[in-house]
């Protein structure tokens, strides 16, 4: 049975809001469960001269392949925050 991807993106949005509220921080290979399926959560920070990029990625490992789901946020120098979609992250080479 396939899980609706909107549920996965809702969870990523939750993690993004938790990060902004400083309730969670950066993490590597944290195992999380979404509707009884296991995912690996990674939250990392990337810097550029004009902004800070935080990437939120859930990975589902299947027998022969992995599915990656990502959202991001870009912090600009004037404390402005821009939310990035999976497609926008693809355009800059993530994942």
N, C-alpha and C. Protein backbone atom coordinates (compact mmCIF):
# COMPACT_ATOMS: atom_id res chain seq x y z
N UNK A 1 0.84 -1.18 0.00
CA UNK A 1 0.00 0.00 0.00
C UNK A 1 0.89 1.24 0.00
N UNK A 2 0.67 2.15 -0.92
CA UNK A 2 1.48 3.35 -1.07
C UNK A 2 0.90 4.47 -0.21
N UNK A 3 1.80 5.19 0.42
CA UNK A 3 1.39 6.31 1.26
C UNK A 3 1.23 7.55 0.38
N UNK A 4 0.24 8.35 0.68
CA UNK A 4 0.01 9.60 -0.02
C UNK A 4 1.18 10.54 0.27
N UNK A 5 1.82 11.06 -0.77
CA UNK A 5 2.99 11.93 -0.55
C UNK A 5 2.64 13.22 0.18
N UNK A 6 1.39 13.65 0.12
CA UNK A 6 1.02 14.88 0.84
C UNK A 6 1.23 14.70 2.34
N UNK A 7 1.05 13.50 2.85
CA UNK A 7 1.28 13.22 4.27
C UNK A 7 2.76 13.41 4.61
N UNK A 8 3.63 12.98 3.71
CA UNK A 8 5.08 13.12 3.92
C UNK A 8 5.46 14.60 3.91
N UNK A 9 4.92 15.36 2.96
CA UNK A 9 5.24 16.79 2.89
C UNK A 9 4.65 17.56 4.07
N UNK A 10 3.50 17.13 4.57
CA UNK A 10 2.94 17.76 5.78
C UNK A 10 3.90 17.55 6.96
N UNK A 11 4.49 16.38 7.05
CA UNK A 11 5.45 16.10 8.12
C UNK A 11 6.70 16.96 7.95
N UNK A 12 7.17 17.12 6.71
CA UNK A 12 8.32 17.99 6.46
C UNK A 12 8.00 19.44 6.84
N UNK A 13 6.79 19.90 6.53
CA UNK A 13 6.38 21.24 6.93
C UNK A 13 6.37 21.38 8.45
N UNK A 14 5.93 20.33 9.14
CA UNK A 14 5.94 20.31 10.60
C UNK A 14 7.37 20.46 11.12
N UNK A 15 8.30 19.69 10.56
CA UNK A 15 9.70 19.79 11.00
C UNK A 15 10.27 21.17 10.71
N UNK A 16 9.90 21.75 9.58
CA UNK A 16 10.39 23.09 9.23
C UNK A 16 9.88 24.12 10.24
N UNK A 17 8.62 24.03 10.61
CA UNK A 17 8.06 24.96 11.60
C UNK A 17 8.70 24.73 12.97
N UNK A 18 8.95 23.47 13.32
CA UNK A 18 9.62 23.16 14.58
C UNK A 18 11.03 23.74 14.60
N UNK A 19 11.71 23.69 13.48
CA UNK A 19 13.06 24.25 13.38
C UNK A 19 13.01 25.77 13.57
N UNK A 20 12.07 26.42 12.91
CA UNK A 20 11.93 27.87 13.05
C UNK A 20 11.59 28.28 14.48
N UNK A 21 10.84 27.44 15.16
CA UNK A 21 10.48 27.70 16.56
C UNK A 21 11.60 27.28 17.52
N UNK A 22 12.69 26.77 16.95
CA UNK A 22 13.86 26.30 17.70
C UNK A 22 13.53 25.13 18.61
N UNK A 23 12.52 24.33 18.22
CA UNK A 23 12.15 23.13 18.98
C UNK A 23 12.97 21.92 18.54
N UNK A 24 13.48 21.95 17.32
CA UNK A 24 14.38 20.90 16.84
C UNK A 24 15.56 21.57 16.15
N UNK A 25 16.65 20.83 16.05
CA UNK A 25 17.83 21.37 15.40
C UNK A 25 18.25 20.51 14.23
N UNK A 26 19.46 20.70 13.80
CA UNK A 26 20.01 19.91 12.71
C UNK A 26 20.15 18.47 13.16
N UNK A 27 20.00 17.52 12.24
CA UNK A 27 20.15 16.11 12.60
C UNK A 27 20.61 15.30 11.41
N UNK A 28 21.21 14.15 11.70
CA UNK A 28 21.71 13.25 10.67
C UNK A 28 21.15 11.87 10.93
N UNK A 29 20.49 11.31 9.93
CA UNK A 29 20.00 9.93 9.94
C UNK A 29 19.16 9.57 11.18
N UNK A 30 18.23 10.46 11.52
CA UNK A 30 17.31 10.19 12.62
C UNK A 30 16.14 9.37 12.06
N UNK A 31 15.86 8.24 12.68
CA UNK A 31 14.76 7.38 12.24
C UNK A 31 13.44 7.91 12.81
N UNK A 32 12.47 8.14 11.93
CA UNK A 32 11.15 8.60 12.34
C UNK A 32 10.10 7.70 11.70
N UNK A 33 8.94 7.63 12.31
CA UNK A 33 7.85 6.81 11.80
C UNK A 33 6.70 7.71 11.37
N UNK A 34 6.18 7.47 10.18
CA UNK A 34 5.02 8.19 9.66
C UNK A 34 4.03 7.13 9.21
N UNK A 35 2.91 7.06 9.89
CA UNK A 35 1.88 6.06 9.58
C UNK A 35 2.48 4.65 9.51
N UNK A 36 3.26 4.31 10.51
CA UNK A 36 3.87 2.99 10.67
C UNK A 36 4.90 2.64 9.59
N UNK A 37 5.39 3.64 8.87
CA UNK A 37 6.49 3.41 7.92
C UNK A 37 7.70 4.17 8.44
N UNK A 38 8.88 3.55 8.27
CA UNK A 38 10.09 4.19 8.74
C UNK A 38 10.73 5.05 7.65
N UNK A 39 11.15 6.23 8.08
CA UNK A 39 11.86 7.17 7.22
C UNK A 39 13.11 7.62 7.96
N UNK A 40 14.07 8.08 7.19
CA UNK A 40 15.27 8.69 7.77
C UNK A 40 15.16 10.19 7.58
N UNK A 41 15.26 10.92 8.68
CA UNK A 41 15.18 12.38 8.65
C UNK A 41 16.58 12.96 8.71
N UNK A 42 16.86 13.88 7.80
CA UNK A 42 18.10 14.65 7.83
C UNK A 42 17.74 16.12 7.69
N UNK A 43 18.33 16.93 8.56
CA UNK A 43 18.16 18.38 8.49
C UNK A 43 19.56 18.96 8.50
N UNK A 44 19.91 19.69 7.43
CA UNK A 44 21.26 20.25 7.38
C UNK A 44 21.25 21.68 6.88
N UNK A 45 22.35 22.34 7.14
CA UNK A 45 22.52 23.75 6.85
C UNK A 45 23.60 23.92 5.79
N UNK A 46 23.33 24.78 4.82
CA UNK A 46 24.29 25.10 3.79
C UNK A 46 24.40 26.62 3.74
N UNK A 47 25.60 27.12 3.56
CA UNK A 47 25.81 28.58 3.54
C UNK A 47 26.18 29.05 2.15
N UNK A 48 25.77 30.26 1.85
CA UNK A 48 26.15 30.96 0.64
C UNK A 48 26.50 32.37 1.12
N UNK A 49 27.10 33.16 0.28
CA UNK A 49 27.48 34.51 0.71
C UNK A 49 26.28 35.39 1.04
N UNK A 50 25.14 35.11 0.42
CA UNK A 50 23.99 35.99 0.63
C UNK A 50 22.85 35.36 1.42
N UNK A 51 22.94 34.05 1.71
CA UNK A 51 21.85 33.43 2.45
C UNK A 51 22.31 32.15 3.13
N UNK A 52 21.45 31.68 4.01
CA UNK A 52 21.63 30.41 4.70
C UNK A 52 20.51 29.49 4.22
N UNK A 53 20.83 28.28 3.83
CA UNK A 53 19.85 27.33 3.33
C UNK A 53 19.74 26.16 4.31
N UNK A 54 18.52 25.88 4.76
CA UNK A 54 18.28 24.73 5.62
C UNK A 54 17.43 23.75 4.83
N UNK A 55 17.89 22.50 4.75
CA UNK A 55 17.20 21.48 3.97
C UNK A 55 16.63 20.43 4.93
N UNK A 56 15.38 20.06 4.69
CA UNK A 56 14.67 19.04 5.47
C UNK A 56 14.38 17.89 4.51
N UNK A 57 14.95 16.71 4.77
CA UNK A 57 14.78 15.59 3.85
C UNK A 57 14.34 14.35 4.61
N UNK A 58 13.29 13.72 4.08
CA UNK A 58 12.87 12.40 4.55
C UNK A 58 13.19 11.41 3.45
N UNK A 59 13.80 10.30 3.82
CA UNK A 59 14.17 9.26 2.86
C UNK A 59 13.48 7.97 3.25
N UNK A 60 12.83 7.35 2.29
CA UNK A 60 12.19 6.05 2.50
C UNK A 60 13.00 5.03 1.70
N UNK A 61 13.56 4.06 2.40
CA UNK A 61 14.33 3.01 1.73
C UNK A 61 13.42 1.85 1.39
N UNK A 62 13.44 1.48 0.14
CA UNK A 62 12.70 0.30 -0.30
C UNK A 62 13.72 -0.73 -0.75
N UNK A 63 13.28 -1.87 -1.16
CA UNK A 63 14.19 -2.96 -1.49
C UNK A 63 15.24 -2.57 -2.52
N UNK A 64 14.83 -1.95 -3.61
CA UNK A 64 15.77 -1.67 -4.70
C UNK A 64 16.07 -0.18 -4.91
N UNK A 65 15.37 0.69 -4.20
CA UNK A 65 15.59 2.12 -4.43
C UNK A 65 15.23 2.92 -3.18
N UNK A 66 15.57 4.19 -3.21
CA UNK A 66 15.23 5.11 -2.13
C UNK A 66 14.39 6.24 -2.70
N UNK A 67 13.41 6.67 -1.93
CA UNK A 67 12.61 7.84 -2.30
C UNK A 67 13.00 8.98 -1.37
N UNK A 68 13.31 10.15 -1.96
CA UNK A 68 13.70 11.33 -1.18
C UNK A 68 12.60 12.38 -1.31
N UNK A 69 12.27 12.99 -0.18
CA UNK A 69 11.28 14.06 -0.14
C UNK A 69 11.95 15.22 0.59
N UNK A 70 11.94 16.40 -0.01
CA UNK A 70 12.65 17.54 0.57
C UNK A 70 11.81 18.80 0.58
N UNK A 71 12.05 19.61 1.59
CA UNK A 71 11.59 20.99 1.64
C UNK A 71 12.76 21.79 2.19
N UNK A 72 12.73 23.09 1.97
CA UNK A 72 13.82 23.90 2.48
C UNK A 72 13.33 25.26 2.92
N UNK A 73 14.26 25.97 3.52
CA UNK A 73 14.01 27.37 3.80
C UNK A 73 15.31 28.12 3.63
N UNK A 74 15.15 29.30 3.12
CA UNK A 74 16.31 30.15 2.86
C UNK A 74 16.18 31.36 3.78
N UNK A 75 17.21 31.59 4.58
CA UNK A 75 17.24 32.76 5.46
C UNK A 75 18.12 33.80 4.79
N UNK A 76 17.52 34.92 4.46
CA UNK A 76 18.26 36.02 3.85
C UNK A 76 18.80 36.91 4.96
N UNK A 77 19.77 37.76 4.63
CA UNK A 77 20.45 38.56 5.65
C UNK A 77 19.53 39.50 6.42
N UNK A 78 18.45 39.93 5.84
CA UNK A 78 17.56 40.86 6.54
C UNK A 78 16.49 40.12 7.32
N UNK A 79 16.81 38.92 7.76
CA UNK A 79 15.90 38.09 8.57
C UNK A 79 14.66 37.64 7.80
N UNK A 80 14.66 37.83 6.49
CA UNK A 80 13.55 37.35 5.68
C UNK A 80 13.71 35.85 5.48
N UNK A 81 12.58 35.14 5.45
CA UNK A 81 12.61 33.70 5.25
C UNK A 81 11.80 33.36 4.02
N UNK A 82 12.38 32.56 3.16
CA UNK A 82 11.71 32.10 1.95
C UNK A 82 11.58 30.58 2.03
N UNK A 83 10.36 30.08 1.86
CA UNK A 83 10.13 28.64 1.87
C UNK A 83 10.41 28.07 0.48
N UNK A 84 11.12 26.95 0.43
CA UNK A 84 11.46 26.33 -0.85
C UNK A 84 10.77 24.98 -0.99
N UNK A 85 10.28 24.73 -2.19
CA UNK A 85 9.63 23.46 -2.50
C UNK A 85 10.67 22.43 -2.93
N UNK A 86 10.23 21.21 -3.05
CA UNK A 86 11.09 20.13 -3.54
C UNK A 86 11.65 20.50 -4.92
N UNK A 87 10.81 21.03 -5.80
CA UNK A 87 11.22 21.37 -7.15
C UNK A 87 12.27 22.48 -7.15
N UNK A 88 12.10 23.49 -6.28
CA UNK A 88 13.08 24.57 -6.20
C UNK A 88 14.43 24.04 -5.70
N UNK A 89 14.39 23.07 -4.79
CA UNK A 89 15.64 22.46 -4.31
C UNK A 89 16.31 21.66 -5.43
N UNK A 90 15.51 20.95 -6.24
CA UNK A 90 16.06 20.21 -7.38
C UNK A 90 16.84 21.16 -8.29
N UNK A 91 16.27 22.35 -8.52
CA UNK A 91 16.89 23.33 -9.43
C UNK A 91 18.27 23.75 -8.95
N UNK A 92 18.52 23.70 -7.65
CA UNK A 92 19.84 24.07 -7.13
C UNK A 92 20.68 22.84 -6.78
N UNK A 93 20.19 21.66 -7.17
CA UNK A 93 20.99 20.45 -7.04
C UNK A 93 20.81 19.63 -5.78
N UNK A 94 19.68 19.81 -5.08
CA UNK A 94 19.41 19.03 -3.87
C UNK A 94 18.15 18.21 -4.11
N UNK A 95 18.09 16.96 -3.77
CA UNK A 95 19.18 16.11 -3.28
C UNK A 95 20.05 15.61 -4.41
